C-alpha atoms as a PDB file:
ATOM      1  CA  UNK A   1       9.371  56.189  28.076  1.00  0.00           C
ATOM      2  CA  UNK A   2      12.883  55.506  26.804  1.00  0.00           C
ATOM      3  CA  UNK A   3      13.429  52.844  29.456  1.00  0.00           C
ATOM      4  CA  UNK A   4      10.212  50.993  28.566  1.00  0.00           C
ATOM      5  CA  UNK A   5      11.106  51.009  24.841  1.00  0.00           C
ATOM      6  CA  UNK A   6      14.558  49.586  25.625  1.00  0.00           C
ATOM      7  CA  UNK A   7      13.044  46.895  27.834  1.00  0.00           C
ATOM      8  CA  UNK A   8      10.486  46.026  25.136  1.00  0.00           C
ATOM      9  CA  UNK A   9      13.222  45.801  22.479  1.00  0.00           C
ATOM     10  CA  UNK A  10      15.348  43.598  24.726  1.00  0.00           C
ATOM     11  CA  UNK A  11      12.342  41.410  25.523  1.00  0.00           C
ATOM     12  CA  UNK A  12      11.540  41.006  21.800  1.00  0.00           C
ATOM     13  CA  UNK A  13      15.144  40.163  21.059  1.00  0.00           C
ATOM     14  CA  UNK A  14      15.176  37.529  23.810  1.00  0.00           C
ATOM     15  CA  UNK A  15      11.956  36.039  22.459  1.00  0.00           C
ATOM     16  CA  UNK A  16      13.369  35.869  18.938  1.00  0.00           C
ATOM     17  CA  UNK A  17      16.480  34.121  20.225  1.00  0.00           C
ATOM     18  CA  UNK A  18      14.343  31.638  22.153  1.00  0.00           C
ATOM     19  CA  UNK A  19      12.191  30.959  19.091  1.00  0.00           C
ATOM     20  CA  UNK A  20      15.308  30.385  16.993  1.00  0.00           C
ATOM     21  CA  UNK A  21      16.760  28.063  19.640  1.00  0.00           C
ATOM     22  CA  UNK A  22      13.523  26.076  19.928  1.00  0.00           C
ATOM     23  CA  UNK A  23      13.173  25.849  16.161  1.00  0.00           C
ATOM     24  CA  UNK A  24      16.701  24.519  15.874  1.00  0.00           C
ATOM     25  CA  UNK A  25      16.093  21.976  18.647  1.00  0.00           C
ATOM     26  CA  UNK A  26      12.839  20.912  16.981  1.00  0.00           C
ATOM     27  CA  UNK A  27      14.701  20.267  13.728  1.00  0.00           C
ATOM     28  CA  UNK A  28      17.366  18.233  15.551  1.00  0.00           C
ATOM     29  CA  UNK A  29      14.761  16.108  17.325  1.00  0.00           C
ATOM     30  CA  UNK A  30      12.849  15.540  14.099  1.00  0.00           C
ATOM     31  CA  UNK A  31      16.002  14.324  12.385  1.00  0.00           C
ATOM     32  CA  UNK A  32      16.743  12.004  15.306  1.00  0.00           C
ATOM     33  CA  UNK A  33      13.219  10.604  15.126  1.00  0.00           C
ATOM     34  CA  UNK A  34      13.552   9.883  11.407  1.00  0.00           C
ATOM     35  CA  UNK A  35      16.936   8.208  11.917  1.00  0.00           C
ATOM     36  CA  UNK A  36      15.612   6.055  14.760  1.00  0.00           C
ATOM     37  CA  UNK A  37      12.659   5.008  12.612  1.00  0.00           C
ATOM     38  CA  UNK A  38      14.971   4.010   9.769  1.00  0.00           C
ATOM     39  CA  UNK A  39      17.172   2.001  12.136  1.00  0.00           C
ATOM     40  CA  UNK A  40      14.141   0.203  13.542  1.00  0.00           C
ATOM     41  CA  UNK A  41      12.891  -0.704  10.071  1.00  0.00           C
ATOM     42  CA  UNK A  42      16.302  -1.955   8.943  1.00  0.00           C
ATOM     43  CA  UNK A  43      17.205  -3.811  12.118  1.00  0.00           C
ATOM     44  CA  UNK A  44      17.742  -7.564  12.146  1.00  0.00           C
ATOM     45  CA  UNK A  45      15.188  -7.735  14.941  1.00  0.00           C
ATOM     46  CA  UNK A  46      12.456  -6.755  12.467  1.00  0.00           C
ATOM     47  CA  UNK A  47      13.226  -9.798  10.293  1.00  0.00           C
ATOM     48  CA  UNK A  48      13.615 -11.960  13.394  1.00  0.00           C
ATOM     49  CA  UNK A  49      10.127 -10.969  14.549  1.00  0.00           C
ATOM     50  CA  UNK A  50       8.665 -12.287  11.282  1.00  0.00           C
ATOM     51  CA  UNK A  51      10.503 -15.590  11.698  1.00  0.00           C
ATOM     52  CA  UNK A  52       9.439 -15.744  15.349  1.00  0.00           C
ATOM     53  CA  UNK A  53       5.792 -15.266  14.399  1.00  0.00           C
ATOM     54  CA  UNK A  54       6.035 -18.000  11.762  1.00  0.00           C
ATOM     55  CA  UNK A  55       7.538 -20.455  14.261  1.00  0.00           C
ATOM     56  CA  UNK A  56       4.913 -19.515  16.837  1.00  0.00           C
ATOM     57  CA  UNK A  57       2.098 -20.102  14.340  1.00  0.00           C
ATOM     58  CA  UNK A  58       3.441 -23.548  13.403  1.00  0.00           C
ATOM     59  CA  UNK A  59       3.219 -24.647  17.029  1.00  0.00           C
ATOM     60  CA  UNK A  60      -0.248 -23.250  17.823  1.00  0.00           C
ATOM     61  CA  UNK A  61      -3.770 -24.588  17.382  1.00  0.00           C
ATOM     62  CA  UNK A  62      -6.336 -22.764  15.230  1.00  0.00           C
ATOM     63  CA  UNK A  63      -7.981 -21.181  18.294  1.00  0.00           C
ATOM     64  CA  UNK A  64      -4.645 -19.981  19.628  1.00  0.00           C
ATOM     65  CA  UNK A  65      -3.734 -18.556  16.223  1.00  0.00           C
ATOM     66  CA  UNK A  66      -7.067 -16.737  16.030  1.00  0.00           C
ATOM     67  CA  UNK A  67      -6.456 -15.303  19.497  1.00  0.00           C
ATOM     68  CA  UNK A  68      -3.001 -14.126  18.432  1.00  0.00           C
ATOM     69  CA  UNK A  69      -4.439 -12.542  15.287  1.00  0.00           C
ATOM     70  CA  UNK A  70      -7.029 -10.656  17.346  1.00  0.00           C
ATOM     71  CA  UNK A  71      -4.282  -9.429  19.652  1.00  0.00           C
ATOM     72  CA  UNK A  72      -2.194  -8.342  16.655  1.00  0.00           C
ATOM     73  CA  UNK A  73      -5.209  -6.560  15.141  1.00  0.00           C
ATOM     74  CA  UNK A  74      -5.813  -4.735  18.431  1.00  0.00           C
ATOM     75  CA  UNK A  75      -2.154  -3.757  18.679  1.00  0.00           C
ATOM     76  CA  UNK A  76      -2.226  -2.557  15.075  1.00  0.00           C
ATOM     77  CA  UNK A  77      -5.326  -0.475  15.833  1.00  0.00           C
ATOM     78  CA  UNK A  78      -3.657   1.132  18.849  1.00  0.00           C
ATOM     79  CA  UNK A  79      -0.535   1.846  16.805  1.00  0.00           C
ATOM     80  CA  UNK A  80      -2.608   3.369  13.991  1.00  0.00           C
ATOM     81  CA  UNK A  81      -4.441   5.569  16.494  1.00  0.00           C
ATOM     82  CA  UNK A  82      -1.114   6.679  18.017  1.00  0.00           C
ATOM     83  CA  UNK A  83       0.346   7.532  14.601  1.00  0.00           C
ATOM     84  CA  UNK A  84      -2.836   9.392  13.627  1.00  0.00           C
ATOM     85  CA  UNK A  85      -2.688  11.435  16.842  1.00  0.00           C
ATOM     86  CA  UNK A  86       1.016  12.081  16.349  1.00  0.00           C
ATOM     87  CA  UNK A  87       0.374  13.273  12.800  1.00  0.00           C
ATOM     88  CA  UNK A  88      -2.330  15.656  14.030  1.00  0.00           C
ATOM     89  CA  UNK A  89       0.074  17.147  16.579  1.00  0.00           C
ATOM     90  CA  UNK A  90       2.784  17.578  13.929  1.00  0.00           C
ATOM     91  CA  UNK A  91       0.287  19.161  11.514  1.00  0.00           C
ATOM     92  CA  UNK A  92      -0.855  21.595  14.199  1.00  0.00           C
ATOM     93  CA  UNK A  93       2.508  22.491  15.699  1.00  0.00           C
ATOM     94  CA  UNK A  94       5.105  21.990  12.952  1.00  0.00           C
ATOM     95  CA  UNK A  95       3.478  21.511   9.540  1.00  0.00           C
ATOM     96  CA  UNK A  96       6.746  22.411   7.801  1.00  0.00           C
ATOM     97  CA  UNK A  97       8.083  18.990   8.845  1.00  0.00           C
ATOM     98  CA  UNK A  98       5.626  17.365   6.448  1.00  0.00           C
ATOM     99  CA  UNK A  99       6.534  19.511   3.442  1.00  0.00           C
ATOM    100  CA  UNK A 100       8.078  17.735   0.505  1.00  0.00           C
ATOM    101  CA  UNK A 101      11.358  19.290  -0.450  1.00  0.00           C
ATOM    102  CA  UNK A 102      12.599  19.087  -4.005  1.00  0.00           C
ATOM    103  CA  UNK A 103      16.266  18.222  -4.354  1.00  0.00           C
ATOM    104  CA  UNK A 104      18.463  21.069  -5.502  1.00  0.00           C
ATOM    105  CA  UNK A 105      20.183  20.507  -8.824  1.00  0.00           C
END
């Protein structure tokens, strides 16, 4: 009986350590994801894409532009679906990531 209690205590301790390690890793990855998103939004490539689209539209016929707009709408729909699914996963697995934190004064 004493041996099984010691094993159970050790097993619980190992599980707690693993949970703490995974929680810490989850926080690190979340921070990396936010930083990567910020870099993507602030990158010169984002502005260049707008200019590229404008130049492309100036050279295209109305039918070609309509085709491009449909493609963009489809891509936007797929991206929205991906973000929606990602948000569902975050809400189910790590809802604390979505909590608003008030700055400490």
